[in-house]
PDB file of N, CA and C in Angstrom:
ATOM      1  N   UNK A   1       1.522  11.020  -5.270  1.00  0.00           N
ATOM      2  CA  UNK A   1       2.200  10.052  -4.463  1.00  0.00           C
ATOM      3  C   UNK A   1       2.609   8.872  -5.441  1.00  0.00           C
ATOM      4  N   UNK A   2       3.474   8.060  -5.012  1.00  0.00           N
ATOM      5  CA  UNK A   2       3.967   6.896  -5.849  1.00  0.00           C
ATOM      6  C   UNK A   2       3.625   5.629  -5.086  1.00  0.00           C
ATOM      7  N   UNK A   3       2.886   4.735  -5.795  1.00  0.00           N
ATOM      8  CA  UNK A   3       2.412   3.480  -5.159  1.00  0.00           C
ATOM      9  C   UNK A   3       2.802   2.331  -5.951  1.00  0.00           C
ATOM     10  N   UNK A   4       2.847   1.180  -5.222  1.00  0.00           N
ATOM     11  CA  UNK A   4       2.964  -0.167  -5.859  1.00  0.00           C
ATOM     12  C   UNK A   4       1.864  -1.065  -5.273  1.00  0.00           C
ATOM     13  N   UNK A   5       0.964  -1.169  -6.324  1.00  0.00           N
ATOM     14  CA  UNK A   5      -0.260  -2.015  -6.012  1.00  0.00           C
ATOM     15  C   UNK A   5       0.158  -3.462  -5.959  1.00  0.00           C
ATOM     16  N   UNK A   6      -0.146  -4.157  -4.793  1.00  0.00           N
ATOM     17  CA  UNK A   6       0.212  -5.514  -4.770  1.00  0.00           C
ATOM     18  C   UNK A   6      -0.781  -6.340  -5.674  1.00  0.00           C
ATOM     19  N   UNK A   7      -0.522  -7.517  -5.912  1.00  0.00           N
ATOM     20  CA  UNK A   7      -1.363  -8.459  -6.868  1.00  0.00           C
ATOM     21  C   UNK A   7      -2.868  -8.313  -6.449  1.00  0.00           C
ATOM     22  N   UNK A   8      -3.074  -8.305  -5.255  1.00  0.00           N
ATOM     23  CA  UNK A   8      -4.652  -8.403  -4.881  1.00  0.00           C
ATOM     24  C   UNK A   8      -5.180  -7.046  -4.838  1.00  0.00           C
ATOM     25  N   UNK A   9      -4.567  -5.989  -5.180  1.00  0.00           N
ATOM     26  CA  UNK A   9      -5.152  -4.659  -5.179  1.00  0.00           C
ATOM     27  C   UNK A   9      -6.015  -4.443  -6.484  1.00  0.00           C
ATOM     28  N   UNK A  10      -7.348  -4.095  -6.423  1.00  0.00           N
ATOM     29  CA  UNK A  10      -8.202  -3.968  -7.451  1.00  0.00           C
ATOM     30  C   UNK A  10      -7.888  -3.039  -8.515  1.00  0.00           C
ATOM     31  N   UNK A  11      -8.036  -3.422  -9.707  1.00  0.00           N
ATOM     32  CA  UNK A  11      -7.734  -2.612 -10.979  1.00  0.00           C
ATOM     33  C   UNK A  11      -8.576  -1.323 -10.938  1.00  0.00           C
ATOM     34  N   UNK A  12      -9.847  -1.410 -10.639  1.00  0.00           N
ATOM     35  CA  UNK A  12     -10.605  -0.043 -10.513  1.00  0.00           C
ATOM     36  C   UNK A  12     -10.086   0.947  -9.565  1.00  0.00           C
ATOM     37  N   UNK A  13      -9.544   0.464  -8.396  1.00  0.00           N
ATOM     38  CA  UNK A  13      -8.901   1.356  -7.541  1.00  0.00           C
ATOM     39  C   UNK A  13      -7.527   1.931  -8.102  1.00  0.00           C
ATOM     40  N   UNK A  14      -6.797   1.177  -8.871  1.00  0.00           N
ATOM     41  CA  UNK A  14      -5.618   1.671  -9.417  1.00  0.00           C
ATOM     42  C   UNK A  14      -5.946   2.730 -10.395  1.00  0.00           C
ATOM     43  N   UNK A  15      -6.872   2.518 -11.135  1.00  0.00           N
ATOM     44  CA  UNK A  15      -7.414   3.527 -12.191  1.00  0.00           C
ATOM     45  C   UNK A  15      -7.837   4.745 -11.523  1.00  0.00           C
ATOM     46  N   UNK A  16      -8.640   4.584 -10.454  1.00  0.00           N
ATOM     47  CA  UNK A  16      -9.098   5.693  -9.650  1.00  0.00           C
ATOM     48  C   UNK A  16      -7.955   6.705  -9.181  1.00  0.00           C
ATOM     49  N   UNK A  17      -7.008   6.025  -8.586  1.00  0.00           N
ATOM     50  CA  UNK A  17      -5.731   6.705  -8.097  1.00  0.00           C
ATOM     51  C   UNK A  17      -5.017   7.400  -9.258  1.00  0.00           C
ATOM     52  N   UNK A  18      -4.855   6.745 -10.294  1.00  0.00           N
ATOM     53  CA  UNK A  18      -4.114   7.306 -11.477  1.00  0.00           C
ATOM     54  C   UNK A  18      -4.898   8.544 -11.835  1.00  0.00           C
ATOM     55  N   UNK A  19      -6.223   8.433 -11.931  1.00  0.00           N
ATOM     56  CA  UNK A  19      -7.119   9.614 -12.449  1.00  0.00           C
ATOM     57  C   UNK A  19      -6.938  10.819 -11.472  1.00  0.00           C
ATOM     58  N   UNK A  20      -6.507  10.492 -10.274  1.00  0.00           N
ATOM     59  CA  UNK A  20      -6.288  11.659  -9.278  1.00  0.00           C
ATOM     60  C   UNK A  20      -4.794  12.174  -9.380  1.00  0.00           C
ATOM     61  N   UNK A  21      -4.027  11.694 -10.413  1.00  0.00           N
ATOM     62  CA  UNK A  21      -2.716  12.159 -10.534  1.00  0.00           C
ATOM     63  C   UNK A  21      -1.604  11.382  -9.896  1.00  0.00           C
ATOM     64  N   UNK A  22      -1.958  10.206  -9.220  1.00  0.00           N
ATOM     65  CA  UNK A  22      -0.856   9.387  -8.540  1.00  0.00           C
ATOM     66  C   UNK A  22      -0.273   8.430  -9.491  1.00  0.00           C
ATOM     67  N   UNK A  23       0.988   8.113  -9.240  1.00  0.00           N
ATOM     68  CA  UNK A  23       1.634   7.071 -10.037  1.00  0.00           C
ATOM     69  C   UNK A  23       1.413   5.749  -9.299  1.00  0.00           C
ATOM     70  N   UNK A  24       0.904   4.718 -10.016  1.00  0.00           N
ATOM     71  CA  UNK A  24       0.669   3.494  -9.431  1.00  0.00           C
ATOM     72  C   UNK A  24       1.163   2.420 -10.362  1.00  0.00           C
ATOM     73  N   UNK A  25       2.232   1.768  -9.910  1.00  0.00           N
ATOM     74  CA  UNK A  25       2.829   0.538 -10.662  1.00  0.00           C
ATOM     75  C   UNK A  25       2.097  -0.769 -10.131  1.00  0.00           C
ATOM     76  N   UNK A  26       1.582  -1.589 -11.081  1.00  0.00           N
ATOM     77  CA  UNK A  26       0.785  -2.810 -10.694  1.00  0.00           C
ATOM     78  C   UNK A  26       1.508  -4.062 -10.818  1.00  0.00           C
ATOM     79  N   UNK A  27       1.737  -4.716  -9.698  1.00  0.00           N
ATOM     80  CA  UNK A  27       2.360  -6.082  -9.682  1.00  0.00           C
ATOM     81  C   UNK A  27       1.460  -6.987 -10.621  1.00  0.00           C
ATOM     82  N   UNK A  28       0.211  -6.944 -10.549  1.00  0.00           N
ATOM     83  CA  UNK A  28      -0.723  -7.791 -11.265  1.00  0.00           C
ATOM     84  C   UNK A  28      -0.377  -7.709 -12.723  1.00  0.00           C
ATOM     85  N   UNK A  29      -0.231  -6.478 -13.206  1.00  0.00           N
ATOM     86  CA  UNK A  29      -0.100  -6.133 -14.672  1.00  0.00           C
ATOM     87  C   UNK A  29       1.409  -6.349 -15.125  1.00  0.00           C
ATOM     88  N   UNK A  30       2.440  -6.074 -14.302  1.00  0.00           N
ATOM     89  CA  UNK A  30       3.769  -6.152 -14.733  1.00  0.00           C
ATOM     90  C   UNK A  30       4.613  -7.221 -14.210  1.00  0.00           C
ATOM     91  N   UNK A  31       4.333  -7.717 -13.048  1.00  0.00           N
ATOM     92  CA  UNK A  31       5.268  -8.716 -12.411  1.00  0.00           C
ATOM     93  C   UNK A  31       4.399  -9.825 -11.663  1.00  0.00           C
ATOM     94  N   UNK A  32       3.182 -10.299 -12.386  1.00  0.00           N
ATOM     95  CA  UNK A  32       2.406 -11.303 -11.592  1.00  0.00           C
ATOM     96  C   UNK A  32       3.180 -12.506 -11.049  1.00  0.00           C
ATOM     97  N   UNK A  33       2.701 -12.869  -9.938  1.00  0.00           N
ATOM     98  CA  UNK A  33       3.348 -14.030  -9.291  1.00  0.00           C
ATOM     99  C   UNK A  33       4.569 -13.624  -8.472  1.00  0.00           C
ATOM    100  N   UNK A  34       4.896 -12.360  -8.228  1.00  0.00           N
ATOM    101  CA  UNK A  34       5.935 -12.048  -7.395  1.00  0.00           C
ATOM    102  C   UNK A  34       5.681 -12.307  -5.976  1.00  0.00           C
ATOM    103  N   UNK A  35       6.720 -12.663  -5.215  1.00  0.00           N
ATOM    104  CA  UNK A  35       6.659 -13.045  -3.787  1.00  0.00           C
ATOM    105  C   UNK A  35       6.483 -11.710  -3.037  1.00  0.00           C
ATOM    106  N   UNK A  36       6.129 -11.806  -1.768  1.00  0.00           N
ATOM    107  CA  UNK A  36       5.981 -10.711  -0.884  1.00  0.00           C
ATOM    108  C   UNK A  36       7.435 -10.058  -0.773  1.00  0.00           C
ATOM    109  N   UNK A  37       8.397 -10.769  -0.682  1.00  0.00           N
ATOM    110  CA  UNK A  37       9.749 -10.245  -0.539  1.00  0.00           C
ATOM    111  C   UNK A  37      10.203  -9.527  -1.789  1.00  0.00           C
ATOM    112  N   UNK A  38       9.827  -9.964  -2.868  1.00  0.00           N
ATOM    113  CA  UNK A  38      10.118  -9.352  -4.271  1.00  0.00           C
ATOM    114  C   UNK A  38       9.425  -8.018  -4.332  1.00  0.00           C
ATOM    115  N   UNK A  39       8.150  -7.978  -3.815  1.00  0.00           N
ATOM    116  CA  UNK A  39       7.429  -6.804  -3.841  1.00  0.00           C
ATOM    117  C   UNK A  39       8.014  -5.759  -2.886  1.00  0.00           C
ATOM    118  N   UNK A  40       8.453  -6.171  -1.793  1.00  0.00           N
ATOM    119  CA  UNK A  40       9.081  -5.234  -0.818  1.00  0.00           C
ATOM    120  C   UNK A  40      10.405  -4.730  -1.407  1.00  0.00           C
ATOM    121  N   UNK A  41      11.139  -5.578  -2.138  1.00  0.00           N
ATOM    122  CA  UNK A  41      12.327  -5.105  -2.702  1.00  0.00           C
ATOM    123  C   UNK A  41      12.116  -4.163  -3.908  1.00  0.00           C
ATOM    124  N   UNK A  42      11.126  -4.247  -4.619  1.00  0.00           N
ATOM    125  CA  UNK A  42      10.676  -3.339  -5.671  1.00  0.00           C
ATOM    126  C   UNK A  42      10.330  -2.030  -5.043  1.00  0.00           C
ATOM    127  N   UNK A  43       9.567  -2.129  -4.026  1.00  0.00           N
ATOM    128  CA  UNK A  43       9.068  -0.927  -3.268  1.00  0.00           C
ATOM    129  C   UNK A  43      10.254  -0.060  -2.845  1.00  0.00           C
ATOM    130  N   UNK A  44      11.181  -0.753  -2.090  1.00  0.00           N
ATOM    131  CA  UNK A  44      12.472  -0.125  -1.523  1.00  0.00           C
ATOM    132  C   UNK A  44      13.250   0.538  -2.782  1.00  0.00           C
ATOM    133  N   UNK A  45      13.502  -0.248  -3.773  1.00  0.00           N
ATOM    134  CA  UNK A  45      14.384   0.183  -4.892  1.00  0.00           C
ATOM    135  C   UNK A  45      13.696   1.412  -5.625  1.00  0.00           C
ATOM    136  N   UNK A  46      12.348   1.434  -5.754  1.00  0.00           N
ATOM    137  CA  UNK A  46      11.846   2.476  -6.540  1.00  0.00           C
ATOM    138  C   UNK A  46      11.090   3.490  -5.555  1.00  0.00           C
ATOM    139  N   UNK A  47      11.183   3.354  -4.355  1.00  0.00           N
ATOM    140  CA  UNK A  47      10.653   4.319  -3.357  1.00  0.00           C
ATOM    141  C   UNK A  47       9.271   4.416  -3.567  1.00  0.00           C
ATOM    142  N   UNK A  48       8.507   3.389  -3.537  1.00  0.00           N
ATOM    143  CA  UNK A  48       6.967   3.249  -3.679  1.00  0.00           C
ATOM    144  C   UNK A  48       6.344   2.856  -2.484  1.00  0.00           C
ATOM    145  N   UNK A  49       5.125   3.278  -2.240  1.00  0.00           N
ATOM    146  CA  UNK A  49       4.318   2.827  -1.066  1.00  0.00           C
ATOM    147  C   UNK A  49       3.419   1.593  -1.454  1.00  0.00           C
ATOM    148  N   UNK A  50       3.595   0.506  -0.892  1.00  0.00           N
ATOM    149  CA  UNK A  50       2.809  -0.746  -1.037  1.00  0.00           C
ATOM    150  C   UNK A  50       1.394  -0.458  -0.635  1.00  0.00           C
ATOM    151  N   UNK A  51       0.562  -0.851  -1.610  1.00  0.00           N
ATOM    152  CA  UNK A  51      -0.816  -0.996  -1.423  1.00  0.00           C
ATOM    153  C   UNK A  51      -1.309  -2.406  -1.423  1.00  0.00           C
ATOM    154  N   UNK A  52      -1.980  -2.887  -0.239  1.00  0.00           N
ATOM    155  CA  UNK A  52      -2.260  -4.272  -0.250  1.00  0.00           C
ATOM    156  C   UNK A  52      -3.481  -4.709   0.579  1.00  0.00           C
ATOM    157  N   UNK A  53      -4.017  -5.852   0.399  1.00  0.00           N
ATOM    158  CA  UNK A  53      -5.021  -6.552   1.226  1.00  0.00           C
ATOM    159  C   UNK A  53      -4.303  -7.669   1.908  1.00  0.00           C
ATOM    160  N   UNK A  54      -3.051  -7.784   1.833  1.00  0.00           N
ATOM    161  CA  UNK A  54      -2.290  -9.020   2.444  1.00  0.00           C
ATOM    162  C   UNK A  54      -1.775  -8.519   3.740  1.00  0.00           C
ATOM    163  N   UNK A  55      -2.113  -9.307   4.779  1.00  0.00           N
ATOM    164  CA  UNK A  55      -1.789  -9.136   6.256  1.00  0.00           C
ATOM    165  C   UNK A  55      -0.249  -9.542   6.469  1.00  0.00           C
ATOM    166  N   UNK A  56       0.365 -10.292   5.527  1.00  0.00           N
ATOM    167  CA  UNK A  56       1.682 -10.755   5.724  1.00  0.00           C
ATOM    168  C   UNK A  56       2.750  -9.630   5.849  1.00  0.00           C
ATOM    169  N   UNK A  57       2.472  -8.530   5.165  1.00  0.00           N
ATOM    170  CA  UNK A  57       3.488  -7.390   5.278  1.00  0.00           C
ATOM    171  C   UNK A  57       3.758  -6.921   6.623  1.00  0.00           C
ATOM    172  N   UNK A  58       2.821  -6.858   7.441  1.00  0.00           N
ATOM    173  CA  UNK A  58       3.149  -6.452   8.880  1.00  0.00           C
ATOM    174  C   UNK A  58       4.110  -7.365   9.443  1.00  0.00           C
ATOM    175  N   UNK A  59       3.850  -8.603   9.287  1.00  0.00           N
ATOM    176  CA  UNK A  59       4.808  -9.604   9.947  1.00  0.00           C
ATOM    177  C   UNK A  59       6.202  -9.481   9.284  1.00  0.00           C
ATOM    178  N   UNK A  60       6.194  -9.462   7.993  1.00  0.00           N
ATOM    179  CA  UNK A  60       7.465  -9.297   7.358  1.00  0.00           C
ATOM    180  C   UNK A  60       8.286  -8.120   7.756  1.00  0.00           C
ATOM    181  N   UNK A  61       7.595  -6.900   7.940  1.00  0.00           N
ATOM    182  CA  UNK A  61       8.465  -5.727   8.153  1.00  0.00           C
ATOM    183  C   UNK A  61       8.683  -5.612   9.722  1.00  0.00           C
ATOM    184  N   UNK A  62       7.806  -6.011  10.656  1.00  0.00           N
ATOM    185  CA  UNK A  62       8.116  -5.838  12.040  1.00  0.00           C
ATOM    186  C   UNK A  62       8.645  -6.962  12.641  1.00  0.00           C
ATOM    187  N   UNK A  63       8.362  -8.254  12.349  1.00  0.00           N
ATOM    188  CA  UNK A  63       8.949  -9.403  13.025  1.00  0.00           C
ATOM    189  C   UNK A  63      10.388  -9.656  12.574  1.00  0.00           C
ATOM    190  N   UNK A  64      10.618  -9.381  11.277  1.00  0.00           N
ATOM    191  CA  UNK A  64      11.883  -9.565  10.728  1.00  0.00           C
ATOM    192  C   UNK A  64      12.734  -8.276  10.619  1.00  0.00           C
ATOM    193  N   UNK A  65      12.206  -7.213  11.099  1.00  0.00           N
ATOM    194  CA  UNK A  65      12.762  -5.873  11.168  1.00  0.00           C
ATOM    195  C   UNK A  65      13.729  -5.599  10.108  1.00  0.00           C
ATOM    196  N   UNK A  66      13.152  -5.419   8.897  1.00  0.00           N
ATOM    197  CA  UNK A  66      13.874  -5.054   7.739  1.00  0.00           C
ATOM    198  C   UNK A  66      14.546  -3.805   7.924  1.00  0.00           C
ATOM    199  N   UNK A  67      15.828  -3.547   7.354  1.00  0.00           N
ATOM    200  CA  UNK A  67      16.700  -2.364   7.725  1.00  0.00           C
ATOM    201  C   UNK A  67      15.986  -1.115   7.120  1.00  0.00           C
ATOM    202  N   UNK A  68      15.444  -1.211   5.911  1.00  0.00           N
ATOM    203  CA  UNK A  68      14.926   0.070   5.264  1.00  0.00           C
ATOM    204  C   UNK A  68      13.534  -0.438   4.737  1.00  0.00           C
ATOM    205  N   UNK A  69      12.533  -0.513   5.676  1.00  0.00           N
ATOM    206  CA  UNK A  69      11.232  -1.059   5.192  1.00  0.00           C
ATOM    207  C   UNK A  69      10.488   0.095   4.313  1.00  0.00           C
ATOM    208  N   UNK A  70       9.763  -0.414   3.275  1.00  0.00           N
ATOM    209  CA  UNK A  70       9.015   0.620   2.571  1.00  0.00           C
ATOM    210  C   UNK A  70       7.737   0.962   3.397  1.00  0.00           C
ATOM    211  N   UNK A  71       6.948   1.990   3.033  1.00  0.00           N
ATOM    212  CA  UNK A  71       5.727   2.357   3.603  1.00  0.00           C
ATOM    213  C   UNK A  71       4.809   1.372   3.054  1.00  0.00           C
ATOM    214  N   UNK A  72       3.800   1.087   3.892  1.00  0.00           N
ATOM    215  CA  UNK A  72       2.635   0.128   3.435  1.00  0.00           C
ATOM    216  C   UNK A  72       1.352   0.646   3.924  1.00  0.00           C
ATOM    217  N   UNK A  73       0.358   0.616   2.964  1.00  0.00           N
ATOM    218  CA  UNK A  73      -1.023   0.806   3.335  1.00  0.00           C
ATOM    219  C   UNK A  73      -1.761  -0.498   3.163  1.00  0.00           C
ATOM    220  N   UNK A  74      -2.189  -1.011   4.295  1.00  0.00           N
ATOM    221  CA  UNK A  74      -2.907  -2.283   4.308  1.00  0.00           C
ATOM    222  C   UNK A  74      -4.399  -2.132   4.566  1.00  0.00           C
ATOM    223  N   UNK A  75      -5.116  -2.629   3.609  1.00  0.00           N
ATOM    224  CA  UNK A  75      -6.651  -2.436   3.616  1.00  0.00           C
ATOM    225  C   UNK A  75      -7.118  -3.578   4.367  1.00  0.00           C
ATOM    226  N   UNK A  76      -7.958  -3.400   5.427  1.00  0.00           N
ATOM    227  CA  UNK A  76      -8.676  -4.668   6.010  1.00  0.00           C
ATOM    228  C   UNK A  76     -10.135  -4.558   5.658  1.00  0.00           C
ATOM    229  N   UNK A  77     -10.524  -3.471   4.866  1.00  0.00           N
ATOM    230  CA  UNK A  77     -11.836  -3.300   4.482  1.00  0.00           C
ATOM    231  C   UNK A  77     -11.853  -3.254   3.010  1.00  0.00           C
ATOM    232  N   UNK A  78     -12.549  -4.100   2.344  1.00  0.00           N
ATOM    233  CA  UNK A  78     -12.666  -4.086   0.834  1.00  0.00           C
ATOM    234  C   UNK A  78     -13.620  -3.119   0.210  1.00  0.00           C
ATOM    235  N   UNK A  79     -14.574  -2.734   1.006  1.00  0.00           N
ATOM    236  CA  UNK A  79     -15.567  -1.823   0.632  1.00  0.00           C
ATOM    237  C   UNK A  79     -16.692  -2.529  -0.283  1.00  0.00           C
ATOM    238  N   UNK A  80     -17.590  -1.658  -0.739  1.00  0.00           N
ATOM    239  CA  UNK A  80     -18.809  -2.154  -1.566  1.00  0.00           C
ATOM    240  C   UNK A  80     -18.388  -2.393  -2.918  1.00  0.00           C
ATOM    241  N   UNK A  81     -17.437  -1.623  -3.453  1.00  0.00           N
ATOM    242  CA  UNK A  81     -17.098  -1.857  -4.934  1.00  0.00           C
ATOM    243  C   UNK A  81     -15.627  -1.866  -5.051  1.00  0.00           C
ATOM    244  N   UNK A  82     -15.185  -2.341  -6.223  1.00  0.00           N
ATOM    245  CA  UNK A  82     -13.708  -2.540  -6.393  1.00  0.00           C
ATOM    246  C   UNK A  82     -12.870  -1.217  -6.453  1.00  0.00           C
ATOM    247  N   UNK A  83     -13.603  -0.161  -6.634  1.00  0.00           N
ATOM    248  CA  UNK A  83     -12.887   1.221  -6.693  1.00  0.00           C
ATOM    249  C   UNK A  83     -12.830   1.799  -5.339  1.00  0.00           C
ATOM    250  N   UNK A  84     -13.534   1.315  -4.323  1.00  0.00           N
ATOM    251  CA  UNK A  84     -13.853   1.936  -3.041  1.00  0.00           C
ATOM    252  C   UNK A  84     -12.350   2.195  -2.293  1.00  0.00           C
ATOM    253  N   UNK A  85     -11.485   1.245  -2.314  1.00  0.00           N
ATOM    254  CA  UNK A  85     -10.217   1.345  -1.600  1.00  0.00           C
ATOM    255  C   UNK A  85      -9.422   2.548  -2.195  1.00  0.00           C
ATOM    256  N   UNK A  86      -9.508   2.646  -3.522  1.00  0.00           N
ATOM    257  CA  UNK A  86      -8.799   3.705  -4.125  1.00  0.00           C
ATOM    258  C   UNK A  86      -9.437   5.061  -3.634  1.00  0.00           C
ATOM    259  N   UNK A  87     -10.691   5.097  -3.526  1.00  0.00           N
ATOM    260  CA  UNK A  87     -11.422   6.425  -3.237  1.00  0.00           C
ATOM    261  C   UNK A  87     -11.117   6.745  -1.703  1.00  0.00           C
ATOM    262  N   UNK A  88     -11.120   5.765  -0.836  1.00  0.00           N
ATOM    263  CA  UNK A  88     -10.831   5.873   0.492  1.00  0.00           C
ATOM    264  C   UNK A  88      -9.465   6.472   0.733  1.00  0.00           C
ATOM    265  N   UNK A  89      -8.376   5.824  -0.039  1.00  0.00           N
ATOM    266  CA  UNK A  89      -7.011   6.299  -0.004  1.00  0.00           C
ATOM    267  C   UNK A  89      -6.920   7.824  -0.367  1.00  0.00           C
ATOM    268  N   UNK A  90      -7.509   8.117  -1.570  1.00  0.00           N
ATOM    269  CA  UNK A  90      -7.457   9.361  -2.040  1.00  0.00           C
ATOM    270  C   UNK A  90      -7.961  10.487  -1.128  1.00  0.00           C
ATOM    271  N   UNK A  91      -9.070  10.101  -0.389  1.00  0.00           N
ATOM    272  CA  UNK A  91      -9.629  10.976   0.639  1.00  0.00           C
ATOM    273  C   UNK A  91      -8.604  11.160   1.807  1.00  0.00           C
ATOM    274  N   UNK A  92      -7.967  10.167   2.243  1.00  0.00           N
ATOM    275  CA  UNK A  92      -7.003  10.179   3.296  1.00  0.00           C
ATOM    276  C   UNK A  92      -5.848  10.975   2.828  1.00  0.00           C
ATOM    277  N   UNK A  93      -5.380  10.963   1.703  1.00  0.00           N
ATOM    278  CA  UNK A  93      -4.230  11.700   1.296  1.00  0.00           C
ATOM    279  C   UNK A  93      -4.595  13.116   1.237  1.00  0.00           C
ATOM    280  N   UNK A  94      -5.864  13.493   1.288  1.00  0.00           N
ATOM    281  CA  UNK A  94      -6.306  14.985   1.376  1.00  0.00           C
ATOM    282  C   UNK A  94      -6.187  15.543   2.656  1.00  0.00           C
ATOM    283  N   UNK A  95      -5.957  14.695   3.734  1.00  0.00           N
ATOM    284  CA  UNK A  95      -5.834  15.096   5.173  1.00  0.00           C
ATOM    285  C   UNK A  95      -4.364  15.253   5.538  1.00  0.00           C
ATOM    286  N   UNK A  96      -4.157  15.478   6.781  1.00  0.00           N
ATOM    287  CA  UNK A  96      -2.723  15.550   7.242  1.00  0.00           C
ATOM    288  C   UNK A  96      -2.155  14.276   7.692  1.00  0.00           C
ATOM    289  N   UNK A  97      -2.822  13.248   7.313  1.00  0.00           N
ATOM    290  CA  UNK A  97      -2.222  11.872   7.590  1.00  0.00           C
ATOM    291  C   UNK A  97      -0.993  11.674   6.827  1.00  0.00           C
ATOM    292  N   UNK A  98       0.183  11.219   7.529  1.00  0.00           N
ATOM    293  CA  UNK A  98       1.433  10.993   6.874  1.00  0.00           C
ATOM    294  C   UNK A  98       1.529   9.445   6.544  1.00  0.00           C
ATOM    295  N   UNK A  99       1.663   9.190   5.176  1.00  0.00           N
ATOM    296  CA  UNK A  99       1.653   7.829   4.899  1.00  0.00           C
ATOM    297  C   UNK A  99       3.175   7.255   4.916  1.00  0.00           C
ATOM    298  N   UNK A 100       4.011   8.115   4.295  1.00  0.00           N
ATOM    299  CA  UNK A 100       5.406   7.688   4.286  1.00  0.00           C
ATOM    300  C   UNK A 100       5.985   7.468   5.753  1.00  0.00           C
ATOM    301  N   UNK A 101       6.756   6.381   5.720  1.00  0.00           N
ATOM    302  CA  UNK A 101       7.348   6.094   7.158  1.00  0.00           C
ATOM    303  C   UNK A 101       6.458   5.383   7.995  1.00  0.00           C
ATOM    304  N   UNK A 102       5.294   4.895   7.479  1.00  0.00           N
ATOM    305  CA  UNK A 102       4.372   4.208   8.454  1.00  0.00           C
ATOM    306  C   UNK A 102       3.850   3.100   7.782  1.00  0.00           C
ATOM    307  N   UNK A 103       3.386   2.190   8.619  1.00  0.00           N
ATOM    308  CA  UNK A 103       2.545   1.093   8.254  1.00  0.00           C
ATOM    309  C   UNK A 103       1.047   1.527   8.622  1.00  0.00           C
ATOM    310  N   UNK A 104       0.326   1.753   7.588  1.00  0.00           N
ATOM    311  CA  UNK A 104      -1.153   2.283   7.753  1.00  0.00           C
ATOM    312  C   UNK A 104      -2.089   1.186   7.544  1.00  0.00           C
ATOM    313  N   UNK A 105      -2.971   1.041   8.513  1.00  0.00           N
ATOM    314  CA  UNK A 105      -4.103   0.079   8.318  1.00  0.00           C
ATOM    315  C   UNK A 105      -5.406   0.755   8.258  1.00  0.00           C
ATOM    316  N   UNK A 106      -6.027   0.514   7.118  1.00  0.00           N
ATOM    317  CA  UNK A 106      -7.368   1.128   6.883  1.00  0.00           C
ATOM    318  C   UNK A 106      -8.413   0.128   7.150  1.00  0.00           C
ATOM    319  N   UNK A 107      -9.371   0.376   8.208  1.00  0.00           N
ATOM    320  CA  UNK A 107     -10.522  -0.462   8.464  1.00  0.00           C
ATOM    321  C   UNK A 107     -11.770   0.228   8.143  1.00  0.00           C
ATOM    322  N   UNK A 108     -12.807  -0.457   8.255  1.00  0.00           N
ATOM    323  CA  UNK A 108     -14.088   0.177   8.043  1.00  0.00           C
ATOM    324  C   UNK A 108     -14.413   1.280   9.012  1.00  0.00           C
ATOM    325  N   UNK A 109     -13.794   1.032  10.212  1.00  0.00           N
ATOM    326  CA  UNK A 109     -14.090   2.044  11.377  1.00  0.00           C
ATOM    327  C   UNK A 109     -13.124   3.079  11.471  1.00  0.00           C
ATOM    328  N   UNK A 110     -11.966   3.086  10.803  1.00  0.00           N
ATOM    329  CA  UNK A 110     -11.019   4.192  10.883  1.00  0.00           C
ATOM    330  C   UNK A 110      -9.740   3.735  10.442  1.00  0.00           C
ATOM    331  N   UNK A 111      -8.615   4.488  10.815  1.00  0.00           N
ATOM    332  CA  UNK A 111      -7.285   4.244  10.399  1.00  0.00           C
ATOM    333  C   UNK A 111      -6.402   4.104  11.515  1.00  0.00           C
ATOM    334  N   UNK A 112      -5.498   3.135  11.519  1.00  0.00           N
ATOM    335  CA  UNK A 112      -4.455   2.993  12.504  1.00  0.00           C
ATOM    336  C   UNK A 112      -3.130   3.141  11.854  1.00  0.00           C
ATOM    337  N   UNK A 113      -2.022   3.532  12.541  1.00  0.00           N
ATOM    338  CA  UNK A 113      -0.776   3.685  12.033  1.00  0.00           C
ATOM    339  C   UNK A 113       0.300   3.231  12.971  1.00  0.00           C
ATOM    340  N   UNK A 114       1.349   2.728  12.469  1.00  0.00           N
ATOM    341  CA  UNK A 114       2.647   2.456  13.247  1.00  0.00           C
ATOM    342  C   UNK A 114       3.784   2.833  12.494  1.00  0.00           C
ATOM    343  N   UNK A 115       4.537   3.753  13.262  1.00  0.00           N
ATOM    344  CA  UNK A 115       5.792   4.196  12.595  1.00  0.00           C
ATOM    345  C   UNK A 115       6.778   3.119  12.338  1.00  0.00           C
ATOM    346  N   UNK A 116       7.336   3.195  11.145  1.00  0.00           N
ATOM    347  CA  UNK A 116       8.401   2.051  10.725  1.00  0.00           C
ATOM    348  C   UNK A 116       9.758   2.566  11.346  1.00  0.00           C
ATOM    349  N   UNK A 117      10.512   1.542  11.685  1.00  0.00           N
ATOM    350  CA  UNK A 117      11.901   1.910  12.115  1.00  0.00           C
ATOM    351  C   UNK A 117      12.732   2.517  11.040  1.00  0.00           C
ATOM    352  N   UNK A 118      13.440   3.562  11.541  1.00  0.00           N
ATOM    353  CA  UNK A 118      14.273   4.245  10.457  1.00  0.00           C
ATOM    354  C   UNK A 118      15.439   3.391  10.154  1.00  0.00           C
ATOM    355  N   UNK A 119      15.855   3.514   8.884  1.00  0.00           N
ATOM    356  CA  UNK A 119      17.106   2.750   8.403  1.00  0.00           C
ATOM    357  C   UNK A 119      18.347   3.147   9.061  1.00  0.00           C
TER     358      UNK A 119
END
């Protein structure tokens, strides 16, 4: 899968996902200081799933109803180590959970999803 790691997404999790064969573009490494809107535009343009710990993306995508919102995985649980979010996501990708087309929230107690509006 192809991801765009927001600036707050931990480097060890990025490296873990890459080790599992996923493409991960890092805002922190390549475009530090980008606004949330710029991150969304990059995700749309490059067809990437945003990985973030920032709750603002839910508001940006649902309140302002973007025409072609990218998929987002929002982590509300940081885990015990910086690589844990990457490991949790890799495990979820091995299930039948569909990430694309959804706003996915990963919490300590489980996963919630909301379908994104179609363009």
